[in-house]
Amino acid sequence: MAISSTVQVLNKLILSFELDFIKECDYLKLRQDIESVTNKLNRLRNYQIDKSIENSKQPNPRITE
């Protein structure tokens, strides 16, 4: 969901720039900010996937036979 929101913000930013609502320097700075946020979200997602895989390989200590 956060990635989708970021893409929506990026689309609005591009439109704002193309319609001359914002200056190019502001546009470029905000693009960098969005890229930074997207990279962080990707790292978080990859971390969660790795942890999930790691946890699925370990025996569950709560299961009793």
N, C-alpha and C. Protein backbone atom coordinates (compact mmCIF):
# COMPACT_ATOMS: atom_id res chain seq x y z
N MET A 1 0.82 -1.19 0.00
CA MET A 1 0.00 0.00 0.00
C MET A 1 0.87 1.26 0.00
N ALA A 2 1.94 1.26 0.76
CA ALA A 2 2.82 2.43 0.82
C ALA A 2 3.48 2.69 -0.53
N ILE A 3 3.84 1.62 -1.24
CA ILE A 3 4.45 1.78 -2.56
C ILE A 3 3.45 2.43 -3.51
N SER A 4 2.21 1.99 -3.47
CA SER A 4 1.16 2.56 -4.34
C SER A 4 0.97 4.04 -4.05
N SER A 5 0.97 4.39 -2.79
CA SER A 5 0.82 5.80 -2.43
C SER A 5 2.00 6.63 -2.94
N THR A 6 3.17 6.06 -2.86
CA THR A 6 4.36 6.76 -3.34
C THR A 6 4.28 6.98 -4.84
N VAL A 7 3.80 5.99 -5.56
CA VAL A 7 3.65 6.12 -7.02
C VAL A 7 2.61 7.18 -7.34
N GLN A 8 1.55 7.25 -6.56
CA GLN A 8 0.53 8.29 -6.78
C GLN A 8 1.13 9.67 -6.57
N VAL A 9 1.92 9.82 -5.53
CA VAL A 9 2.57 11.11 -5.27
C VAL A 9 3.51 11.47 -6.43
N LEU A 10 4.24 10.49 -6.90
CA LEU A 10 5.15 10.72 -8.04
C LEU A 10 4.36 11.18 -9.26
N ASN A 11 3.24 10.54 -9.54
CA ASN A 11 2.42 10.95 -10.69
C ASN A 11 1.93 12.38 -10.55
N LYS A 12 1.49 12.73 -9.36
CA LYS A 12 1.04 14.12 -9.12
C LYS A 12 2.19 15.10 -9.27
N LEU A 13 3.35 14.69 -8.83
CA LEU A 13 4.54 15.55 -8.95
C LEU A 13 4.88 15.79 -10.42
N ILE A 14 4.87 14.73 -11.21
CA ILE A 14 5.18 14.85 -12.64
C ILE A 14 4.17 15.78 -13.31
N LEU A 15 2.90 15.57 -13.02
CA LEU A 15 1.87 16.44 -13.60
C LEU A 15 2.06 17.90 -13.18
N SER A 16 2.37 18.09 -11.93
CA SER A 16 2.59 19.46 -11.43
C SER A 16 3.73 20.14 -12.16
N PHE A 17 4.77 19.39 -12.42
CA PHE A 17 5.92 19.95 -13.13
C PHE A 17 5.56 20.23 -14.59
N GLU A 18 4.92 19.27 -15.23
CA GLU A 18 4.57 19.45 -16.64
C GLU A 18 3.59 20.59 -16.86
N LEU A 19 2.76 20.88 -15.88
CA LEU A 19 1.81 21.97 -15.98
C LEU A 19 2.37 23.29 -15.42
N ASP A 20 3.65 23.28 -15.11
CA ASP A 20 4.36 24.47 -14.62
C ASP A 20 3.83 25.00 -13.28
N PHE A 21 3.36 24.08 -12.43
CA PHE A 21 2.94 24.50 -11.10
C PHE A 21 4.12 24.55 -10.13
N ILE A 22 5.19 23.83 -10.45
CA ILE A 22 6.38 23.85 -9.60
C ILE A 22 7.61 24.07 -10.47
N LYS A 23 8.65 24.58 -9.83
CA LYS A 23 9.91 24.84 -10.53
C LYS A 23 10.69 23.53 -10.72
N GLU A 24 11.57 23.55 -11.69
CA GLU A 24 12.36 22.35 -11.98
C GLU A 24 13.23 21.95 -10.79
N CYS A 25 13.82 22.91 -10.11
CA CYS A 25 14.67 22.58 -8.96
C CYS A 25 13.86 21.89 -7.86
N ASP A 26 12.63 22.35 -7.63
CA ASP A 26 11.76 21.70 -6.65
C ASP A 26 11.37 20.29 -7.11
N TYR A 27 11.06 20.19 -8.37
CA TYR A 27 10.70 18.90 -8.95
C TYR A 27 11.83 17.88 -8.77
N LEU A 28 13.04 18.28 -9.10
CA LEU A 28 14.18 17.36 -9.00
C LEU A 28 14.46 16.97 -7.55
N LYS A 29 14.34 17.91 -6.65
CA LYS A 29 14.55 17.61 -5.23
C LYS A 29 13.50 16.62 -4.73
N LEU A 30 12.27 16.86 -5.09
CA LEU A 30 11.19 15.97 -4.65
C LEU A 30 11.31 14.59 -5.28
N ARG A 31 11.78 14.53 -6.51
CA ARG A 31 12.01 13.22 -7.15
C ARG A 31 13.06 12.44 -6.37
N GLN A 32 14.10 13.12 -5.94
CA GLN A 32 15.14 12.46 -5.14
C GLN A 32 14.56 11.96 -3.81
N ASP A 33 13.73 12.77 -3.20
CA ASP A 33 13.09 12.38 -1.93
C ASP A 33 12.21 11.14 -2.12
N ILE A 34 11.44 11.15 -3.19
CA ILE A 34 10.57 10.00 -3.48
C ILE A 34 11.40 8.75 -3.75
N GLU A 35 12.49 8.91 -4.48
CA GLU A 35 13.36 7.76 -4.74
C GLU A 35 13.94 7.21 -3.44
N SER A 36 14.32 8.08 -2.55
CA SER A 36 14.86 7.66 -1.26
C SER A 36 13.81 6.89 -0.46
N VAL A 37 12.60 7.40 -0.41
CA VAL A 37 11.52 6.72 0.31
C VAL A 37 11.22 5.36 -0.32
N THR A 38 11.17 5.31 -1.64
CA THR A 38 10.90 4.06 -2.34
C THR A 38 11.98 3.02 -2.06
N ASN A 39 13.23 3.46 -2.06
CA ASN A 39 14.33 2.53 -1.75
C ASN A 39 14.21 1.98 -0.33
N LYS A 40 13.84 2.84 0.61
CA LYS A 40 13.67 2.39 1.99
C LYS A 40 12.51 1.40 2.11
N LEU A 41 11.43 1.66 1.41
CA LEU A 41 10.29 0.75 1.43
C LEU A 41 10.67 -0.61 0.83
N ASN A 42 11.45 -0.59 -0.23
CA ASN A 42 11.91 -1.84 -0.85
C ASN A 42 12.81 -2.63 0.10
N ARG A 43 13.70 -1.93 0.78
CA ARG A 43 14.57 -2.62 1.74
C ARG A 43 13.76 -3.23 2.87
N LEU A 44 12.76 -2.50 3.36
CA LEU A 44 11.90 -3.02 4.41
C LEU A 44 11.14 -4.25 3.92
N ARG A 45 10.60 -4.18 2.73
CA ARG A 45 9.87 -5.32 2.16
C ARG A 45 10.78 -6.54 2.02
N ASN A 46 11.98 -6.33 1.49
CA ASN A 46 12.92 -7.44 1.33
C ASN A 46 13.33 -8.03 2.68
N TYR A 47 13.51 -7.18 3.66
CA TYR A 47 13.84 -7.66 5.01
C TYR A 47 12.71 -8.54 5.56
N GLN A 48 11.49 -8.07 5.40
CA GLN A 48 10.34 -8.83 5.91
C GLN A 48 10.21 -10.16 5.19
N ILE A 49 10.44 -10.18 3.90
CA ILE A 49 10.39 -11.43 3.14
C ILE A 49 11.47 -12.38 3.63
N ASP A 50 12.69 -11.87 3.79
CA ASP A 50 13.79 -12.71 4.26
C ASP A 50 13.50 -13.27 5.65
N LYS A 51 12.97 -12.45 6.54
CA LYS A 51 12.63 -12.91 7.89
C LYS A 51 11.54 -13.97 7.85
N SER A 52 10.58 -13.77 6.99
CA SER A 52 9.49 -14.73 6.87
C SER A 52 10.01 -16.08 6.39
N ILE A 53 10.90 -16.06 5.42
CA ILE A 53 11.50 -17.30 4.91
C ILE A 53 12.34 -17.95 6.00
N GLU A 54 13.11 -17.13 6.70
CA GLU A 54 13.97 -17.63 7.78
C GLU A 54 13.12 -18.28 8.88
N ASN A 55 12.04 -17.64 9.25
CA ASN A 55 11.17 -18.17 10.31
C ASN A 55 10.44 -19.44 9.87
N SER A 56 10.14 -19.55 8.60
CA SER A 56 9.43 -20.74 8.14
C SER A 56 10.34 -21.96 8.12
N LYS A 57 11.65 -21.75 8.10
CA LYS A 57 12.60 -22.85 8.10
C LYS A 57 12.90 -23.37 9.50
N GLN A 58 12.60 -22.56 10.53
CA GLN A 58 12.88 -22.95 11.91
C GLN A 58 11.68 -23.69 12.48
N PRO A 59 11.95 -24.71 13.30
CA PRO A 59 10.83 -25.40 13.94
C PRO A 59 10.11 -24.46 14.91
N ASN A 60 8.83 -24.63 14.99
CA ASN A 60 8.03 -23.80 15.88
C ASN A 60 8.09 -24.38 17.29
N PRO A 61 8.66 -23.64 18.26
CA PRO A 61 8.82 -24.17 19.63
C PRO A 61 7.49 -24.33 20.37
N ARG A 62 6.42 -23.71 19.90
CA ARG A 62 5.13 -23.80 20.58
C ARG A 62 4.38 -25.08 20.23
N ILE A 63 4.81 -25.76 19.21
CA ILE A 63 4.13 -27.00 18.83
C ILE A 63 4.62 -28.12 19.73
N THR A 64 3.68 -28.78 20.38
CA THR A 64 4.05 -29.91 21.25
C THR A 64 3.40 -31.17 20.70
N GLU A 65 4.12 -32.23 20.85
CA GLU A 65 3.60 -33.50 20.34
C GLU A 65 3.07 -34.35 21.46
